[in-house]
Amino acid sequence: MELLKKSLILSVLTCMMYLANGQTQAQISAFDNSYKLEKASKYVDAINSIKGVYEETSYEMNLRLGWLNYLIGQQTTAISFYDKAIKLNPFSIEARFGYIMPASVLGNWEMVKNQYLAILKIDPQNTKANYYLGLIYYNSKEYSKAQKHFEICANLYPFDYDSMLMYAWNSYFLGKLREAKVLFSKTLLIRPYDKSATEGLSLIK
């Protein structure tokens, strides 16, 4: 009787492993097919390929569906899939950057800003998040908030044109003219005769 029980348990486990392996193969095939369809610009078919094996608890599937829905212009749907991916893996920076794309298209800058802030809680030195969050604050004339983000970028990449130029302009609007003059001059070493940096220098007497 004991031997029969063990045999039955072994059979059930073997069956479960077989089903799991088959499921994995089906998922791999679905992803492979979706990549090929995306390359052919058949985005709806690529979505349907993933939906055929969709599991709500799969980070990868939600991330993929977020991207594909973004490509076909279904921005609200894309956000919902990226949001699911974030909830499944709260430390995922890639899912948050993914979320930002459709949110930007919709012009919801508060949602965009919140995702950049969330990214910086995970990775305070993230250059992309610091730079674009700085731009959001700069464009809304919140120069004091923008300053630290441009400063981080410029310190991490001192020979990067965009970071140095924005750090210079932001310093100018904060009234830090001596600092701005140095930064505009450094920008001109990166991109000689740059129109924006030259203009900035001409404003400083």
C-alpha atoms as a PDB file:
ATOM      1  CA  MET A   1       0.000   0.000   0.000  1.00  0.00           C
ATOM      2  CA  GLU A   2       2.847   2.371   0.930  1.00  0.00           C
ATOM      3  CA  LEU A   3       4.621   1.532  -2.327  1.00  0.00           C
ATOM      4  CA  LEU A   4       1.418   2.320  -4.247  1.00  0.00           C
ATOM      5  CA  LYS A   5       1.145   5.730  -2.568  1.00  0.00           C
ATOM      6  CA  LYS A   6       4.751   6.571  -3.409  1.00  0.00           C
ATOM      7  CA  SER A   7       4.228   5.454  -6.978  1.00  0.00           C
ATOM      8  CA  LEU A   8       1.094   7.595  -7.263  1.00  0.00           C
ATOM      9  CA  ILE A   9       2.875  10.676  -5.842  1.00  0.00           C
ATOM     10  CA  LEU A  10       5.761  10.148  -8.244  1.00  0.00           C
ATOM     11  CA  SER A  11       3.352   9.894 -11.176  1.00  0.00           C
ATOM     12  CA  VAL A  12       1.582  13.103 -10.162  1.00  0.00           C
ATOM     13  CA  LEU A  13       4.906  14.972  -9.792  1.00  0.00           C
ATOM     14  CA  THR A  14       6.115  13.681 -13.154  1.00  0.00           C
ATOM     15  CA  CYS A  15       2.864  14.818 -14.762  1.00  0.00           C
ATOM     16  CA  MET A  16       3.139  18.265 -13.157  1.00  0.00           C
ATOM     17  CA  MET A  17       6.722  18.636 -14.351  1.00  0.00           C
ATOM     18  CA  TYR A  18       5.695  17.603 -17.850  1.00  0.00           C
ATOM     19  CA  LEU A  19       2.853  20.129 -17.889  1.00  0.00           C
ATOM     20  CA  ALA A  20       5.101  22.878 -16.530  1.00  0.00           C
ATOM     21  CA  ASN A  21       7.733  22.143 -19.168  1.00  0.00           C
ATOM     22  CA  GLY A  22       5.082  22.132 -21.888  1.00  0.00           C
ATOM     23  CA  GLN A  23       3.744  25.439 -20.594  1.00  0.00           C
ATOM     24  CA  THR A  24       7.222  26.961 -20.626  1.00  0.00           C
ATOM     25  CA  GLN A  25       7.777  25.821 -24.197  1.00  0.00           C
ATOM     26  CA  ALA A  26       4.426  27.319 -25.211  1.00  0.00           C
ATOM     27  CA  GLN A  27       5.405  30.620 -23.605  1.00  0.00           C
ATOM     28  CA  ILE A  28       8.826  30.650 -25.281  1.00  0.00           C
ATOM     29  CA  SER A  29       7.175  29.932 -28.620  1.00  0.00           C
ATOM     30  CA  ALA A  30       4.631  32.729 -28.026  1.00  0.00           C
ATOM     31  CA  PHE A  31       7.361  35.248 -27.211  1.00  0.00           C
ATOM     32  CA  ASP A  32       9.450  34.173 -30.184  1.00  0.00           C
ATOM     33  CA  ASN A  33       6.443  34.567 -32.462  1.00  0.00           C
ATOM     34  CA  SER A  34       5.590  37.976 -30.993  1.00  0.00           C
ATOM     35  CA  TYR A  35       9.131  39.262 -31.634  1.00  0.00           C
ATOM     36  CA  LYS A  36       8.938  38.156 -35.264  1.00  0.00           C
ATOM     37  CA  LEU A  37       5.518  39.776 -35.683  1.00  0.00           C
ATOM     38  CA  GLU A  38       6.727  43.006 -34.068  1.00  0.00           C
ATOM     39  CA  LYS A  39       9.675  43.097 -36.482  1.00  0.00           C
ATOM     40  CA  ALA A  40       7.160  42.822 -39.316  1.00  0.00           C
ATOM     41  CA  SER A  41       5.158  45.695 -37.731  1.00  0.00           C
ATOM     42  CA  LYS A  42       2.237  43.345 -37.058  1.00  0.00           C
ATOM     43  CA  TYR A  43       1.746  44.658 -33.554  1.00  0.00           C
ATOM     44  CA  VAL A  44      -1.821  43.459 -32.948  1.00  0.00           C
ATOM     45  CA  ASP A  45      -0.851  39.924 -33.953  1.00  0.00           C
ATOM     46  CA  ALA A  46       2.192  40.197 -31.662  1.00  0.00           C
ATOM     47  CA  ILE A  47      -0.144  41.141 -28.807  1.00  0.00           C
ATOM     48  CA  ASN A  48      -2.458  38.212 -29.561  1.00  0.00           C
ATOM     49  CA  SER A  49       0.511  35.843 -29.529  1.00  0.00           C
ATOM     50  CA  ILE A  50       1.250  36.804 -25.908  1.00  0.00           C
ATOM     51  CA  LYS A  51      -2.417  36.878 -24.951  1.00  0.00           C
ATOM     52  CA  GLY A  52      -2.689  33.241 -26.046  1.00  0.00           C
ATOM     53  CA  VAL A  53      -0.515  32.206 -23.101  1.00  0.00           C
ATOM     54  CA  TYR A  54      -1.137  35.209 -20.835  1.00  0.00           C
ATOM     55  CA  GLU A  55      -0.770  34.858 -17.088  1.00  0.00           C
ATOM     56  CA  GLU A  56      -1.600  37.873 -14.956  1.00  0.00           C
ATOM     57  CA  THR A  57       1.188  36.993 -12.526  1.00  0.00           C
ATOM     58  CA  SER A  58       3.868  37.046 -15.237  1.00  0.00           C
ATOM     59  CA  TYR A  59       6.095  40.115 -15.061  1.00  0.00           C
ATOM     60  CA  GLU A  60       7.511  39.421 -18.509  1.00  0.00           C
ATOM     61  CA  MET A  61       4.117  39.122 -20.200  1.00  0.00           C
ATOM     62  CA  ASN A  62       2.785  42.306 -18.656  1.00  0.00           C
ATOM     63  CA  LEU A  63       5.949  44.178 -19.619  1.00  0.00           C
ATOM     64  CA  ARG A  64       5.748  42.882 -23.182  1.00  0.00           C
ATOM     65  CA  LEU A  65       2.063  43.775 -23.517  1.00  0.00           C
ATOM     66  CA  GLY A  66       2.765  47.231 -22.134  1.00  0.00           C
ATOM     67  CA  TRP A  67       5.353  47.818 -24.862  1.00  0.00           C
ATOM     68  CA  LEU A  68       3.223  46.427 -27.702  1.00  0.00           C
ATOM     69  CA  ASN A  69       0.160  48.432 -26.682  1.00  0.00           C
ATOM     70  CA  TYR A  70       2.354  51.533 -26.558  1.00  0.00           C
ATOM     71  CA  LEU A  71       3.426  50.820 -30.141  1.00  0.00           C
ATOM     72  CA  ILE A  72      -0.175  50.660 -31.419  1.00  0.00           C
ATOM     73  CA  GLY A  73      -1.144  53.845 -29.594  1.00  0.00           C
ATOM     74  CA  GLN A  74      -3.221  52.229 -26.843  1.00  0.00           C
ATOM     75  CA  GLN A  75      -1.547  54.297 -24.160  1.00  0.00           C
ATOM     76  CA  THR A  76      -4.032  53.774 -21.324  1.00  0.00           C
ATOM     77  CA  THR A  77      -3.910  50.003 -21.857  1.00  0.00           C
ATOM     78  CA  ALA A  78      -0.111  50.150 -22.011  1.00  0.00           C
ATOM     79  CA  ILE A  79      -0.007  51.961 -18.671  1.00  0.00           C
ATOM     80  CA  SER A  80      -2.230  49.333 -17.061  1.00  0.00           C
ATOM     81  CA  PHE A  81       0.106  46.512 -18.159  1.00  0.00           C
ATOM     82  CA  TYR A  82       3.217  48.407 -17.045  1.00  0.00           C
ATOM     83  CA  ASP A  83       1.501  49.080 -13.727  1.00  0.00           C
ATOM     84  CA  LYS A  84       0.896  45.348 -13.275  1.00  0.00           C
ATOM     85  CA  ALA A  85       4.559  44.667 -14.046  1.00  0.00           C
ATOM     86  CA  ILE A  86       5.634  47.251 -11.448  1.00  0.00           C
ATOM     87  CA  LYS A  87       3.378  45.705  -8.812  1.00  0.00           C
ATOM     88  CA  LEU A  88       4.844  42.278  -9.564  1.00  0.00           C
ATOM     89  CA  ASN A  89       8.400  43.630  -9.327  1.00  0.00           C
ATOM     90  CA  PRO A  90       8.468  46.951  -7.437  1.00  0.00           C
ATOM     91  CA  PHE A  91      12.245  47.291  -7.856  1.00  0.00           C
ATOM     92  CA  SER A  92      12.070  47.087 -11.636  1.00  0.00           C
ATOM     93  CA  ILE A  93      13.429  50.269 -13.173  1.00  0.00           C
ATOM     94  CA  GLU A  94      12.757  49.074 -16.733  1.00  0.00           C
ATOM     95  CA  ALA A  95       9.018  48.748 -16.052  1.00  0.00           C
ATOM     96  CA  ARG A  96       8.915  52.281 -14.661  1.00  0.00           C
ATOM     97  CA  PHE A  97      10.723  53.680 -17.700  1.00  0.00           C
ATOM     98  CA  GLY A  98       8.244  51.737 -19.807  1.00  0.00           C
ATOM     99  CA  TYR A  99       5.336  53.309 -17.903  1.00  0.00           C
ATOM    100  CA  ILE A 100       6.783  56.759 -18.560  1.00  0.00           C
ATOM    101  CA  MET A 101       6.518  56.391 -22.361  1.00  0.00           C
ATOM    102  CA  PRO A 102       2.707  56.142 -22.668  1.00  0.00           C
ATOM    103  CA  ALA A 103       2.237  58.573 -19.768  1.00  0.00           C
ATOM    104  CA  SER A 104       4.357  61.111 -21.682  1.00  0.00           C
ATOM    105  CA  VAL A 105       2.308  60.606 -24.846  1.00  0.00           C
ATOM    106  CA  LEU A 106      -0.836  61.306 -22.822  1.00  0.00           C
ATOM    107  CA  GLY A 107       0.813  64.432 -21.398  1.00  0.00           C
ATOM    108  CA  ASN A 108       0.285  63.298 -17.828  1.00  0.00           C
ATOM    109  CA  TRP A 109       3.431  64.856 -16.386  1.00  0.00           C
ATOM    110  CA  GLU A 110       2.424  64.198 -12.799  1.00  0.00           C
ATOM    111  CA  MET A 111       2.418  60.456 -13.490  1.00  0.00           C
ATOM    112  CA  VAL A 112       5.738  60.806 -15.322  1.00  0.00           C
ATOM    113  CA  LYS A 113       7.269  62.780 -12.455  1.00  0.00           C
ATOM    114  CA  ASN A 114       6.105  60.232  -9.885  1.00  0.00           C
ATOM    115  CA  GLN A 115       7.764  57.407 -11.811  1.00  0.00           C
ATOM    116  CA  TYR A 116      11.049  59.320 -12.063  1.00  0.00           C
ATOM    117  CA  LEU A 117      10.917  59.947  -8.317  1.00  0.00           C
ATOM    118  CA  ALA A 118      10.240  56.251  -7.710  1.00  0.00           C
ATOM    119  CA  ILE A 119      13.205  55.301  -9.907  1.00  0.00           C
ATOM    120  CA  LEU A 120      15.468  57.656  -7.962  1.00  0.00           C
ATOM    121  CA  LYS A 121      14.404  56.057  -4.678  1.00  0.00           C
ATOM    122  CA  ILE A 122      15.680  52.770  -6.085  1.00  0.00           C
ATOM    123  CA  ASP A 123      18.710  54.222  -7.892  1.00  0.00           C
ATOM    124  CA  PRO A 124      19.531  57.799  -6.754  1.00  0.00           C
ATOM    125  CA  GLN A 125      22.352  58.131  -9.300  1.00  0.00           C
ATOM    126  CA  ASN A 126      20.283  57.113 -12.316  1.00  0.00           C
ATOM    127  CA  THR A 127      21.363  59.649 -14.928  1.00  0.00           C
ATOM    128  CA  LYS A 128      18.354  59.347 -17.224  1.00  0.00           C
ATOM    129  CA  ALA A 129      15.846  59.795 -14.400  1.00  0.00           C
ATOM    130  CA  ASN A 130      17.783  62.698 -12.890  1.00  0.00           C
ATOM    131  CA  TYR A 131      18.124  64.490 -16.225  1.00  0.00           C
ATOM    132  CA  TYR A 132      14.495  64.208 -17.306  1.00  0.00           C
ATOM    133  CA  LEU A 133      13.120  64.977 -13.852  1.00  0.00           C
ATOM    134  CA  GLY A 134      15.379  68.027 -13.887  1.00  0.00           C
ATOM    135  CA  LEU A 135      13.854  69.029 -17.236  1.00  0.00           C
ATOM    136  CA  ILE A 136      10.327  68.708 -15.850  1.00  0.00           C
ATOM    137  CA  TYR A 137      11.186  71.008 -12.946  1.00  0.00           C
ATOM    138  CA  TYR A 138      13.106  73.379 -15.240  1.00  0.00           C
ATOM    139  CA  ASN A 139      10.203  73.698 -17.684  1.00  0.00           C
ATOM    140  CA  SER A 140       7.844  74.482 -14.803  1.00  0.00           C
ATOM    141  CA  LYS A 141      10.388  77.074 -13.539  1.00  0.00           C
ATOM    142  CA  GLU A 142      11.063  75.112 -10.349  1.00  0.00           C
ATOM    143  CA  TYR A 143      14.771  75.812 -10.649  1.00  0.00           C
ATOM    144  CA  SER A 144      15.681  75.003  -7.049  1.00  0.00           C
ATOM    145  CA  LYS A 145      14.261  71.486  -7.436  1.00  0.00           C
ATOM    146  CA  ALA A 146      15.886  71.025 -10.826  1.00  0.00           C
ATOM    147  CA  GLN A 147      19.357  72.049  -9.656  1.00  0.00           C
ATOM    148  CA  LYS A 148      20.309  68.931  -7.717  1.00  0.00           C
ATOM    149  CA  HIS A 149      19.269  66.654 -10.569  1.00  0.00           C
ATOM    150  CA  PHE A 150      21.327  68.494 -13.193  1.00  0.00           C
ATOM    151  CA  GLU A 151      24.225  68.665 -10.750  1.00  0.00           C
ATOM    152  CA  ILE A 152      24.194  64.880 -10.307  1.00  0.00           C
ATOM    153  CA  CYS A 153      24.211  64.385 -14.091  1.00  0.00           C
ATOM    154  CA  ALA A 154      27.027  66.870 -14.635  1.00  0.00           C
ATOM    155  CA  ASN A 155      29.117  65.298 -11.861  1.00  0.00           C
ATOM    156  CA  LEU A 156      28.630  61.811 -13.244  1.00  0.00           C
ATOM    157  CA  TYR A 157      29.192  62.865 -16.873  1.00  0.00           C
ATOM    158  CA  PRO A 158      31.242  66.102 -16.834  1.00  0.00           C
ATOM    159  CA  PHE A 159      31.807  65.964 -20.605  1.00  0.00           C
ATOM    160  CA  ASP A 160      28.154  65.440 -21.549  1.00  0.00           C
ATOM    161  CA  TYR A 161      26.754  68.357 -23.535  1.00  0.00           C
ATOM    162  CA  ASP A 162      23.089  68.140 -22.487  1.00  0.00           C
ATOM    163  CA  SER A 163      23.831  67.748 -18.779  1.00  0.00           C
ATOM    164  CA  MET A 164      26.345  70.599 -18.698  1.00  0.00           C
ATOM    165  CA  LEU A 165      24.184  72.969 -20.742  1.00  0.00           C
ATOM    166  CA  MET A 166      21.074  72.440 -18.610  1.00  0.00           C
ATOM    167  CA  TYR A 167      23.124  72.760 -15.428  1.00  0.00           C
ATOM    168  CA  ALA A 168      24.441  76.072 -16.774  1.00  0.00           C
ATOM    169  CA  TRP A 169      21.039  77.489 -17.712  1.00  0.00           C
ATOM    170  CA  ASN A 170      19.439  76.351 -14.481  1.00  0.00           C
ATOM    171  CA  SER A 171      22.245  77.996 -12.502  1.00  0.00           C
ATOM    172  CA  TYR A 172      21.702  81.179 -14.517  1.00  0.00           C
ATOM    173  CA  PHE A 173      18.005  81.313 -13.662  1.00  0.00           C
ATOM    174  CA  LEU A 174      18.834  80.704 -10.002  1.00  0.00           C
ATOM    175  CA  GLY A 175      20.994  83.816 -10.125  1.00  0.00           C
ATOM    176  CA  LYS A 176      24.225  81.839  -9.684  1.00  0.00           C
ATOM    177  CA  LEU A 177      25.938  83.832 -12.418  1.00  0.00           C
ATOM    178  CA  ARG A 178      29.550  83.015 -11.588  1.00  0.00           C
ATOM    179  CA  GLU A 179      28.753  79.314 -11.572  1.00  0.00           C
ATOM    180  CA  ALA A 180      26.706  79.634 -14.758  1.00  0.00           C
ATOM    181  CA  LYS A 181      29.568  81.389 -16.540  1.00  0.00           C
ATOM    182  CA  VAL A 182      31.957  78.552 -15.720  1.00  0.00           C
ATOM    183  CA  LEU A 183      29.413  75.950 -16.824  1.00  0.00           C
ATOM    184  CA  PHE A 184      28.624  77.702 -20.113  1.00  0.00           C
ATOM    185  CA  SER A 185      32.373  77.895 -20.790  1.00  0.00           C
ATOM    186  CA  LYS A 186      32.747  74.183 -20.096  1.00  0.00           C
ATOM    187  CA  THR A 187      29.851  73.495 -22.452  1.00  0.00           C
ATOM    188  CA  LEU A 188      31.738  75.295 -25.209  1.00  0.00           C
ATOM    189  CA  LEU A 189      34.673  72.932 -24.719  1.00  0.00           C
ATOM    190  CA  ILE A 190      32.306  70.049 -25.378  1.00  0.00           C
ATOM    191  CA  ARG A 191      30.576  71.733 -28.329  1.00  0.00           C
ATOM    192  CA  PRO A 192      32.580  74.755 -29.551  1.00  0.00           C
ATOM    193  CA  TYR A 193      30.561  77.781 -30.706  1.00  0.00           C
ATOM    194  CA  ASP A 194      27.322  76.236 -29.455  1.00  0.00           C
ATOM    195  CA  LYS A 195      24.547  78.774 -29.946  1.00  0.00           C
ATOM    196  CA  SER A 196      22.774  78.173 -26.619  1.00  0.00           C
ATOM    197  CA  ALA A 197      25.965  78.281 -24.513  1.00  0.00           C
ATOM    198  CA  THR A 198      27.189  81.352 -26.369  1.00  0.00           C
ATOM    199  CA  GLU A 199      23.880  83.078 -25.754  1.00  0.00           C
ATOM    200  CA  GLY A 200      24.066  82.196 -22.056  1.00  0.00           C
ATOM    201  CA  LEU A 201      27.532  83.734 -21.744  1.00  0.00           C
ATOM    202  CA  SER A 202      26.415  86.903 -23.504  1.00  0.00           C
ATOM    203  CA  LEU A 203      23.724  87.414 -20.867  1.00  0.00           C
ATOM    204  CA  ILE A 204      26.211  87.378 -18.022  1.00  0.00           C
ATOM    205  CA  LYS A 205      27.868  90.759 -17.553  1.00  0.00           C
END
